[in-house]
């Protein structure tokens, strides 16, 4: 006598799907925050390069 196999399940989310929360009014979008972070990194790299040039001369 064999035992029955368990039911076949497909992979994926098993529970209710919750949408992403709506941003607060006036809050910057994710794309804008990413752009600002990228610009800040470039600004800091440029400032660091200028500091190195000043200390070399």
PDB file of N, CA and C in Angstrom:
ATOM      1  N   UNK A   1       0.840  -1.180   0.000  1.00  0.00           N
ATOM      2  CA  UNK A   1       0.000   0.000   0.000  1.00  0.00           C
ATOM      3  C   UNK A   1       0.888   1.248   0.000  1.00  0.00           C
ATOM      4  N   UNK A   2       0.640   2.186  -0.900  1.00  0.00           N
ATOM      5  CA  UNK A   2       1.445   3.407  -0.988  1.00  0.00           C
ATOM      6  C   UNK A   2       0.675   4.576  -0.399  1.00  0.00           C
ATOM      7  N   UNK A   3       1.437   5.542   0.073  1.00  0.00           N
ATOM      8  CA  UNK A   3       0.789   6.743   0.610  1.00  0.00           C
ATOM      9  C   UNK A   3       0.540   7.715  -0.531  1.00  0.00           C
ATOM     10  N   UNK A   4      -0.540   8.445  -0.475  1.00  0.00           N
ATOM     11  CA  UNK A   4      -0.809   9.401  -1.559  1.00  0.00           C
ATOM     12  C   UNK A   4       0.212  10.533  -1.523  1.00  0.00           C
ATOM     13  N   UNK A   5       0.571  11.034  -2.703  1.00  0.00           N
ATOM     14  CA  UNK A   5       1.528  12.137  -2.763  1.00  0.00           C
ATOM     15  C   UNK A   5       0.831  13.426  -2.338  1.00  0.00           C
ATOM     16  N   UNK A   6       1.595  14.364  -1.785  1.00  0.00           N
ATOM     17  CA  UNK A   6       0.977  15.629  -1.364  1.00  0.00           C
ATOM     18  C   UNK A   6       0.487  16.406  -2.588  1.00  0.00           C
ATOM     19  N   UNK A   7      -0.451  17.307  -2.382  1.00  0.00           N
ATOM     20  CA  UNK A   7      -0.961  18.087  -3.518  1.00  0.00           C
ATOM     21  C   UNK A   7       0.145  18.929  -4.147  1.00  0.00           C
ATOM     22  N   UNK A   8       0.058  19.115  -5.443  1.00  0.00           N
ATOM     23  CA  UNK A   8       1.060  19.882  -6.185  1.00  0.00           C
ATOM     24  C   UNK A   8       0.855  21.369  -5.913  1.00  0.00           C
ATOM     25  N   UNK A   9       1.935  22.053  -5.569  1.00  0.00           N
ATOM     26  CA  UNK A   9       1.862  23.503  -5.311  1.00  0.00           C
ATOM     27  C   UNK A   9       2.761  24.225  -6.286  1.00  0.00           C
ATOM     28  N   UNK A  10       2.294  25.340  -6.768  1.00  0.00           N
ATOM     29  CA  UNK A  10       3.118  26.159  -7.648  1.00  0.00           C
ATOM     30  C   UNK A  10       3.855  27.183  -6.799  1.00  0.00           C
ATOM     31  N   UNK A  11       5.104  27.498  -7.131  1.00  0.00           N
ATOM     32  CA  UNK A  11       5.838  28.490  -6.346  1.00  0.00           C
ATOM     33  C   UNK A  11       5.257  29.887  -6.555  1.00  0.00           C
ATOM     34  N   UNK A  12       5.403  30.698  -5.558  1.00  0.00           N
ATOM     35  CA  UNK A  12       4.927  32.074  -5.656  1.00  0.00           C
ATOM     36  C   UNK A  12       4.416  32.553  -4.317  1.00  0.00           C
ATOM     37  N   UNK A  13       3.876  33.739  -4.324  1.00  0.00           N
ATOM     38  CA  UNK A  13       3.355  34.333  -3.096  1.00  0.00           C
ATOM     39  C   UNK A  13       2.158  33.525  -2.620  1.00  0.00           C
ATOM     40  N   UNK A  14       2.134  33.250  -1.349  1.00  0.00           N
ATOM     41  CA  UNK A  14       1.051  32.432  -0.829  1.00  0.00           C
ATOM     42  C   UNK A  14      -0.023  33.236  -0.130  1.00  0.00           C
ATOM     43  N   UNK A  15       0.296  34.427   0.284  1.00  0.00           N
ATOM     44  CA  UNK A  15      -0.662  35.211   1.044  1.00  0.00           C
ATOM     45  C   UNK A  15      -1.216  36.361   0.244  1.00  0.00           C
ATOM     46  N   UNK A  16      -1.941  37.219   0.916  1.00  0.00           N
ATOM     47  CA  UNK A  16      -2.489  38.387   0.219  1.00  0.00           C
ATOM     48  C   UNK A  16      -1.367  39.327  -0.227  1.00  0.00           C
ATOM     49  N   UNK A  17      -1.562  39.930  -1.355  1.00  0.00           N
ATOM     50  CA  UNK A  17      -0.565  40.850  -1.906  1.00  0.00           C
ATOM     51  C   UNK A  17      -0.925  42.262  -1.465  1.00  0.00           C
ATOM     52  N   UNK A  18       0.020  42.925  -0.805  1.00  0.00           N
ATOM     53  CA  UNK A  18      -0.209  44.288  -0.339  1.00  0.00           C
ATOM     54  C   UNK A  18       0.497  45.250  -1.285  1.00  0.00           C
ATOM     55  N   UNK A  19      -0.217  46.217  -1.820  1.00  0.00           N
ATOM     56  CA  UNK A  19       0.444  47.181  -2.711  1.00  0.00           C
ATOM     57  C   UNK A  19       1.393  48.079  -1.920  1.00  0.00           C
ATOM     58  N   UNK A  20       2.331  48.690  -2.632  1.00  0.00           N
ATOM     59  CA  UNK A  20       3.260  49.618  -1.995  1.00  0.00           C
ATOM     60  C   UNK A  20       2.470  50.798  -1.442  1.00  0.00           C
ATOM     61  N   UNK A  21       2.848  51.294  -0.275  1.00  0.00           N
ATOM     62  CA  UNK A  21       2.102  52.427   0.286  1.00  0.00           C
ATOM     63  C   UNK A  21       2.240  53.666  -0.588  1.00  0.00           C
ATOM     64  N   UNK A  22       1.193  54.438  -0.624  1.00  0.00           N
ATOM     65  CA  UNK A  22       1.213  55.690  -1.387  1.00  0.00           C
ATOM     66  C   UNK A  22       2.134  56.680  -0.680  1.00  0.00           C
ATOM     67  N   UNK A  23       2.959  57.411  -1.437  1.00  0.00           N
ATOM     68  CA  UNK A  23       3.826  58.402  -0.790  1.00  0.00           C
ATOM     69  C   UNK A  23       2.997  59.544  -0.204  1.00  0.00           C
ATOM     70  N   UNK A  24       3.542  60.139   0.829  1.00  0.00           N
ATOM     71  CA  UNK A  24       2.852  61.276   1.442  1.00  0.00           C
ATOM     72  C   UNK A  24       2.818  62.434   0.455  1.00  0.00           C
ATOM     73  N   UNK A  25       1.805  63.279   0.544  1.00  0.00           N
ATOM     74  CA  UNK A  25       1.766  64.452  -0.341  1.00  0.00           C
ATOM     75  C   UNK A  25       2.995  65.328  -0.117  1.00  0.00           C
ATOM     76  N   UNK A  26       3.627  65.727  -1.192  1.00  0.00           N
ATOM     77  CA  UNK A  26       4.803  66.579  -1.106  1.00  0.00           C
ATOM     78  C   UNK A  26       6.105  65.824  -0.933  1.00  0.00           C
ATOM     79  N   UNK A  27       6.044  64.512  -0.737  1.00  0.00           N
ATOM     80  CA  UNK A  27       7.268  63.723  -0.576  1.00  0.00           C
ATOM     81  C   UNK A  27       7.891  63.472  -1.945  1.00  0.00           C
ATOM     82  N   UNK A  28       9.219  63.497  -2.037  1.00  0.00           N
ATOM     83  CA  UNK A  28       9.861  63.253  -3.334  1.00  0.00           C
ATOM     84  C   UNK A  28       9.670  61.803  -3.767  1.00  0.00           C
ATOM     85  N   UNK A  29       9.593  61.606  -5.059  1.00  0.00           N
ATOM     86  CA  UNK A  29       9.423  60.257  -5.593  1.00  0.00           C
ATOM     87  C   UNK A  29      10.722  59.468  -5.431  1.00  0.00           C
ATOM     88  N   UNK A  30      10.619  58.164  -5.579  1.00  0.00           N
ATOM     89  CA  UNK A  30      11.809  57.306  -5.474  1.00  0.00           C
ATOM     90  C   UNK A  30      12.826  57.670  -6.549  1.00  0.00           C
ATOM     91  N   UNK A  31      12.351  57.923  -7.773  1.00  0.00           N
ATOM     92  CA  UNK A  31      13.267  58.278  -8.860  1.00  0.00           C
ATOM     93  C   UNK A  31      14.023  59.566  -8.533  1.00  0.00           C
ATOM     94  N   UNK A  32      13.328  60.534  -7.961  1.00  0.00           N
ATOM     95  CA  UNK A  32      13.981  61.795  -7.614  1.00  0.00           C
ATOM     96  C   UNK A  32      15.002  61.591  -6.500  1.00  0.00           C
ATOM     97  N   UNK A  33      14.663  60.766  -5.508  1.00  0.00           N
ATOM     98  CA  UNK A  33      15.615  60.502  -4.423  1.00  0.00           C
ATOM     99  C   UNK A  33      16.862  59.798  -4.949  1.00  0.00           C
ATOM    100  N   UNK A  34      16.690  58.861  -5.897  1.00  0.00           N
ATOM    101  CA  UNK A  34      17.847  58.173  -6.475  1.00  0.00           C
ATOM    102  C   UNK A  34      18.716  59.144  -7.263  1.00  0.00           C
ATOM    103  N   UNK A  35      18.085  60.029  -8.031  1.00  0.00           N
ATOM    104  CA  UNK A  35      18.852  61.030  -8.789  1.00  0.00           C
ATOM    105  C   UNK A  35      19.631  61.936  -7.856  1.00  0.00           C
ATOM    106  N   UNK A  36      18.997  62.350  -6.765  1.00  0.00           N
ATOM    107  CA  UNK A  36      19.664  63.236  -5.809  1.00  0.00           C
ATOM    108  C   UNK A  36      20.847  62.527  -5.154  1.00  0.00           C
ATOM    109  N   UNK A  37      20.675  61.260  -4.806  1.00  0.00           N
ATOM    110  CA  UNK A  37      21.768  60.511  -4.184  1.00  0.00           C
ATOM    111  C   UNK A  37      22.935  60.366  -5.153  1.00  0.00           C
ATOM    112  N   UNK A  38      22.636  60.112  -6.428  1.00  0.00           N
ATOM    113  CA  UNK A  38      23.693  59.986  -7.433  1.00  0.00           C
ATOM    114  C   UNK A  38      24.431  61.314  -7.594  1.00  0.00           C
ATOM    115  N   UNK A  39      23.693  62.407  -7.636  1.00  0.00           N
ATOM    116  CA  UNK A  39      24.318  63.719  -7.757  1.00  0.00           C
ATOM    117  C   UNK A  39      25.184  64.041  -6.553  1.00  0.00           C
ATOM    118  N   UNK A  40      24.732  63.658  -5.361  1.00  0.00           N
ATOM    119  CA  UNK A  40      25.505  63.914  -4.149  1.00  0.00           C
ATOM    120  C   UNK A  40      26.811  63.128  -4.173  1.00  0.00           C
ATOM    121  N   UNK A  41      26.760  61.868  -4.635  1.00  0.00           N
ATOM    122  CA  UNK A  41      27.984  61.068  -4.722  1.00  0.00           C
ATOM    123  C   UNK A  41      28.982  61.710  -5.685  1.00  0.00           C
ATOM    124  N   UNK A  42      28.498  62.183  -6.830  1.00  0.00           N
ATOM    125  CA  UNK A  42      29.401  62.840  -7.787  1.00  0.00           C
ATOM    126  C   UNK A  42      29.992  64.109  -7.189  1.00  0.00           C
ATOM    127  N   UNK A  43      29.165  64.872  -6.480  1.00  0.00           N
ATOM    128  CA  UNK A  43      29.632  66.101  -5.842  1.00  0.00           C
ATOM    129  C   UNK A  43      30.745  65.794  -4.840  1.00  0.00           C
ATOM    130  N   UNK A  44      30.543  64.764  -4.021  1.00  0.00           N
ATOM    131  CA  UNK A  44      31.541  64.419  -3.012  1.00  0.00           C
ATOM    132  C   UNK A  44      32.833  63.918  -3.658  1.00  0.00           C
ATOM    133  N   UNK A  45      32.727  63.138  -4.737  1.00  0.00           N
ATOM    134  CA  UNK A  45      33.940  62.679  -5.432  1.00  0.00           C
ATOM    135  C   UNK A  45      34.706  63.857  -6.009  1.00  0.00           C
ATOM    136  N   UNK A  46      33.975  64.804  -6.589  1.00  0.00           N
ATOM    137  CA  UNK A  46      34.621  65.982  -7.175  1.00  0.00           C
ATOM    138  C   UNK A  46      35.302  66.804  -6.081  1.00  0.00           C
ATOM    139  N   UNK A  47      34.628  66.986  -4.952  1.00  0.00           N
ATOM    140  CA  UNK A  47      35.212  67.760  -3.851  1.00  0.00           C
ATOM    141  C   UNK A  47      36.458  67.063  -3.311  1.00  0.00           C
ATOM    142  N   UNK A  48      36.413  65.738  -3.235  1.00  0.00           N
ATOM    143  CA  UNK A  48      37.570  64.987  -2.753  1.00  0.00           C
ATOM    144  C   UNK A  48      38.744  65.130  -3.718  1.00  0.00           C
ATOM    145  N   UNK A  49      38.471  65.107  -5.008  1.00  0.00           N
ATOM    146  CA  UNK A  49      39.533  65.259  -6.009  1.00  0.00           C
ATOM    147  C   UNK A  49      40.145  66.655  -5.923  1.00  0.00           C
ATOM    148  N   UNK A  50      39.323  67.673  -5.690  1.00  0.00           N
ATOM    149  CA  UNK A  50      39.841  69.038  -5.558  1.00  0.00           C
ATOM    150  C   UNK A  50      40.705  69.162  -4.314  1.00  0.00           C
ATOM    151  N   UNK A  51      40.300  68.522  -3.212  1.00  0.00           N
ATOM    152  CA  UNK A  51      41.103  68.557  -1.990  1.00  0.00           C
ATOM    153  C   UNK A  51      42.463  67.914  -2.220  1.00  0.00           C
ATOM    154  N   UNK A  52      42.487  66.808  -2.953  1.00  0.00           N
ATOM    155  CA  UNK A  52      43.754  66.136  -3.222  1.00  0.00           C
ATOM    156  C   UNK A  52      44.653  67.014  -4.085  1.00  0.00           C
ATOM    157  N   UNK A  53      44.063  67.715  -5.056  1.00  0.00           N
ATOM    158  CA  UNK A  53      44.862  68.608  -5.907  1.00  0.00           C
ATOM    159  C   UNK A  53      45.457  69.746  -5.092  1.00  0.00           C
ATOM    160  N   UNK A  54      44.691  70.286  -4.143  1.00  0.00           N
ATOM    161  CA  UNK A  54      45.183  71.392  -3.319  1.00  0.00           C
ATOM    162  C   UNK A  54      46.320  70.930  -2.411  1.00  0.00           C
ATOM    163  N   UNK A  55      46.241  69.724  -1.889  1.00  0.00           N
ATOM    164  CA  UNK A  55      47.293  69.249  -0.988  1.00  0.00           C
ATOM    165  C   UNK A  55      48.551  68.863  -1.750  1.00  0.00           C
ATOM    166  N   UNK A  56      48.424  68.521  -3.039  1.00  0.00           N
ATOM    167  CA  UNK A  56      49.597  68.162  -3.842  1.00  0.00           C
ATOM    168  C   UNK A  56      50.422  69.389  -4.204  1.00  0.00           C
ATOM    169  N   UNK A  57      49.797  70.525  -4.379  1.00  0.00           N
ATOM    170  CA  UNK A  57      50.531  71.726  -4.808  1.00  0.00           C
ATOM    171  C   UNK A  57      50.996  72.543  -3.638  1.00  0.00           C
TER     172      UNK A  57
END
